[in-house]
Protein backbone atom coordinates (compact mmCIF):
# COMPACT_ATOMS: atom_id res chain seq x y z
CA MET A 1 -13.45 3.89 -28.42
CA ARG A 2 -13.88 0.26 -27.02
CA TYR A 3 -17.91 1.29 -26.55
CA ASN A 4 -18.37 2.68 -30.22
CA ILE A 5 -16.31 -0.46 -31.77
CA LEU A 6 -18.83 -2.61 -29.92
CA GLN A 7 -21.79 -0.48 -30.91
CA LEU A 8 -20.84 -0.86 -34.51
CA LEU A 9 -20.49 -4.62 -34.31
CA LYS A 10 -24.02 -4.54 -32.85
CA ASN A 11 -25.26 -2.38 -35.56
CA LEU A 12 -23.96 -4.68 -38.24
CA ARG A 13 -25.75 -7.68 -36.57
CA PHE A 14 -28.75 -5.50 -36.57
CA HIS A 15 -28.37 -4.86 -40.26
CA SER A 16 -27.88 -8.42 -40.96
CA HIS A 17 -30.96 -9.68 -39.06
CA GLY A 18 -29.56 -10.87 -36.08
CA LYS A 19 -27.31 -13.19 -37.85
CA GLU A 20 -23.25 -12.91 -36.08
CA ILE A 21 -21.20 -11.11 -38.54
CA THR A 22 -17.52 -12.50 -38.57
CA ASP A 23 -14.43 -11.31 -39.70
CA VAL A 24 -14.34 -13.30 -42.85
CA ASP A 25 -18.00 -11.93 -43.76
CA ILE A 26 -16.37 -8.43 -43.59
CA LEU A 27 -13.55 -9.51 -45.54
CA ARG A 28 -15.76 -10.90 -48.16
CA TRP A 29 -17.73 -8.21 -48.20
CA ALA A 30 -14.78 -5.61 -48.77
CA ASN A 31 -13.54 -8.00 -51.68
CA THR A 32 -16.77 -8.27 -53.37
CA LYS A 33 -17.57 -4.84 -53.60
CA VAL A 34 -14.05 -3.88 -54.84
CA SER A 35 -14.47 -6.94 -57.41
CA ASP A 36 -17.99 -5.80 -58.69
CA SER A 37 -16.42 -2.25 -58.95
CA GLY A 38 -14.32 -3.74 -61.70
CA SER A 39 -10.87 -3.35 -59.85
CA GLN A 40 -8.37 -6.45 -59.37
CA SER A 41 -7.36 -5.02 -55.81
CA ARG A 42 -7.91 -7.58 -53.23
CA MET A 43 -7.55 -7.89 -49.27
CA ASP A 44 -6.58 -11.42 -48.31
CA SER A 45 -6.83 -10.70 -44.63
CA PHE A 46 -6.87 -7.90 -42.09
CA LYS A 47 -2.80 -7.97 -41.47
CA ASP A 48 -2.33 -8.11 -45.41
CA LYS A 49 0.71 -5.80 -45.88
CA SER A 50 -0.10 -4.38 -49.37
CA LEU A 51 -2.94 -2.63 -47.51
CA SER A 52 -0.15 -0.30 -46.16
CA ASP A 53 -0.73 1.91 -49.71
CA GLY A 54 -4.10 2.34 -49.17
CA ILE A 55 -5.20 1.63 -52.42
CA PHE A 56 -7.66 -0.93 -51.84
CA PHE A 57 -9.64 1.06 -49.15
CA LEU A 58 -9.84 3.96 -52.06
CA GLU A 59 -11.44 1.59 -54.27
CA LEU A 60 -13.45 0.31 -51.59
CA LEU A 61 -14.74 3.89 -50.92
CA GLY A 62 -15.19 4.28 -54.55
CA ALA A 63 -17.37 1.24 -54.90
CA VAL A 64 -19.54 1.94 -52.09
CA GLN A 65 -19.81 5.51 -52.97
CA PRO A 66 -19.10 6.07 -56.91
CA ARG A 67 -17.16 9.45 -57.05
CA SER A 68 -16.32 9.87 -53.67
CA VAL A 69 -12.60 9.50 -54.32
CA ASN A 70 -10.62 12.13 -56.70
CA TRP A 71 -8.30 9.82 -58.18
CA SER A 72 -5.89 12.74 -59.00
CA LEU A 73 -5.07 13.03 -55.57
CA VAL A 74 -4.44 9.72 -54.87
CA THR A 75 -0.40 8.40 -55.13
CA LYS A 76 1.01 5.21 -55.92
CA GLY A 77 1.94 4.60 -52.67
CA VAL A 78 5.24 3.43 -53.14
CA THR A 79 7.20 5.76 -50.21
CA ASP A 80 6.06 5.94 -46.85
CA GLU A 81 5.10 9.77 -47.53
CA GLN A 82 2.70 8.54 -50.29
CA LYS A 83 1.46 6.02 -47.97
CA LYS A 84 0.60 8.46 -45.33
CA MET A 85 -1.04 10.75 -47.79
CA ASN A 86 -3.36 8.07 -49.01
CA ALA A 87 -4.23 6.97 -45.69
CA THR A 88 -5.11 10.61 -44.89
CA TYR A 89 -7.17 10.84 -47.88
CA ILE A 90 -9.01 7.45 -46.74
CA ILE A 91 -9.85 9.07 -43.28
CA SER A 92 -10.93 12.40 -44.78
CA ILE A 93 -13.27 10.44 -47.23
CA ALA A 94 -14.73 7.91 -44.67
CA ARG A 95 -15.42 10.60 -42.33
CA LYS A 96 -17.17 12.85 -45.16
CA LEU A 97 -19.37 9.88 -45.93
CA GLY A 98 -20.40 9.52 -42.35
CA CYS A 99 -18.62 6.52 -41.30
CA SER A 100 -17.25 6.20 -37.45
CA ILE A 101 -13.54 6.76 -37.69
CA PHE A 102 -11.36 5.88 -34.91
CA LEU A 103 -8.10 5.26 -36.50
CA LEU A 104 -4.65 7.12 -37.30
CA PRO A 105 -3.23 7.38 -40.80
CA GLU A 106 -0.37 5.21 -39.28
CA ASP A 107 -3.02 2.42 -38.40
CA ILE A 108 -3.26 2.18 -42.44
CA THR A 109 0.48 2.43 -43.37
CA GLU A 110 1.52 0.38 -40.33
CA VAL A 111 -1.54 -2.21 -41.24
CA ASN A 112 -2.74 -2.38 -37.45
CA GLN A 113 -5.03 -5.39 -38.00
CA LYS A 114 -7.93 -4.43 -35.27
CA MET A 115 -8.05 -0.91 -36.63
CA ILE A 116 -8.21 -2.24 -40.21
CA LEU A 117 -11.11 -4.49 -39.06
CA THR A 118 -12.60 -1.44 -37.72
CA LEU A 119 -12.29 0.60 -40.66
CA THR A 120 -13.71 -1.96 -43.23
CA ALA A 121 -16.33 -2.53 -40.74
CA SER A 122 -17.18 1.14 -40.58
CA ILE A 123 -17.67 1.19 -44.00
CA MET A 124 -19.49 -1.76 -44.51
CA TYR A 125 -21.99 -0.41 -41.51
CA TRP A 126 -22.26 2.88 -43.46
CA PHE A 127 -23.24 1.22 -46.96
CA LEU A 128 -25.50 -1.34 -45.15
CA LYS A 129 -27.65 1.37 -43.47
CA GLN A 130 -27.78 3.48 -46.77
CA PRO A 131 -31.62 3.29 -48.16
CA VAL A 132 -31.80 0.63 -50.90
CA GLU A 133 -32.79 2.85 -53.69
CA GLU A 134 -29.97 5.06 -52.93
CA LYS A 135 -27.30 2.32 -52.34
CA PRO A 136 -24.47 3.39 -55.20
CA SER A 137 -22.95 0.36 -55.73
CA ALA A 138 -24.95 -2.54 -57.89
CA THR A 139 -24.32 -6.26 -56.84
CA SER A 140 -23.48 -9.13 -58.93
CA ASP A 141 -25.03 -12.60 -59.12
CA SER A 142 -22.17 -14.26 -58.92
CA GLU A 143 -21.57 -17.50 -57.05
CA ASN A 144 -19.43 -15.43 -54.37
CA GLY A 145 -22.46 -13.88 -53.08
CA SER A 146 -23.02 -15.72 -50.12
CA GLN A 147 -24.41 -14.60 -46.87
CA VAL A 148 -22.58 -11.04 -47.06
CA GLU A 149 -24.14 -10.07 -50.47
CA THR A 150 -27.49 -11.03 -49.33
CA ILE A 151 -26.95 -8.85 -46.28
CA SER A 152 -25.85 -5.90 -48.47
CA ASN A 153 -29.10 -6.62 -50.34
CA SER A 154 -31.49 -6.44 -47.58
CA THR A 155 -33.54 -3.42 -46.67
CA THR A 156 -32.99 -1.49 -43.45
CA ASP A 157 -36.96 -1.43 -43.08
CA ASP A 158 -37.82 -4.87 -41.19
CA SER A 159 -41.38 -4.10 -42.29
CA ALA A 160 -40.37 -4.88 -45.98
CA SER A 161 -38.79 -8.06 -45.24
CA GLU A 162 -39.53 -10.68 -42.66
CA SER A 163 -36.95 -13.39 -44.00
CA SER A 164 -33.29 -14.16 -42.27
CA VAL A 165 -30.25 -14.38 -43.58
CA GLU A 166 -29.47 -17.99 -43.85
């Protein structure tokens, strides 16, 4: 599992044209995607206890792949059972998309910081490796664009762009 996580981070670095991707970049990217989709949900950190209900990750998955979330299957995430149902659904959707998922529903409901980071990075990597014309989520021209927005707009074909992310 450690090898797979390190490989994921290496792949993220490749998609950012060699620029080191930090936890803050991943956090900012996720919040930007969810915000751009019209949601008010926000992740303050990878140990944010509000993540235990799973709603933020369902909105993130819906932002990177519209129609991937069947909202009639999503619970409010109030009870432990509802939180676990949402967490199981998150893992199911992410795996169907092709994300490398190494966590259990309990890692989401208990807000295991490292596993939450890995989940978010896996979703980010899946999104970044999609061909540009097929990327389902449009980005905004807001000031919050920063490096992560530039990364999400970059192409995976190195011959198409020789500019680096600054």
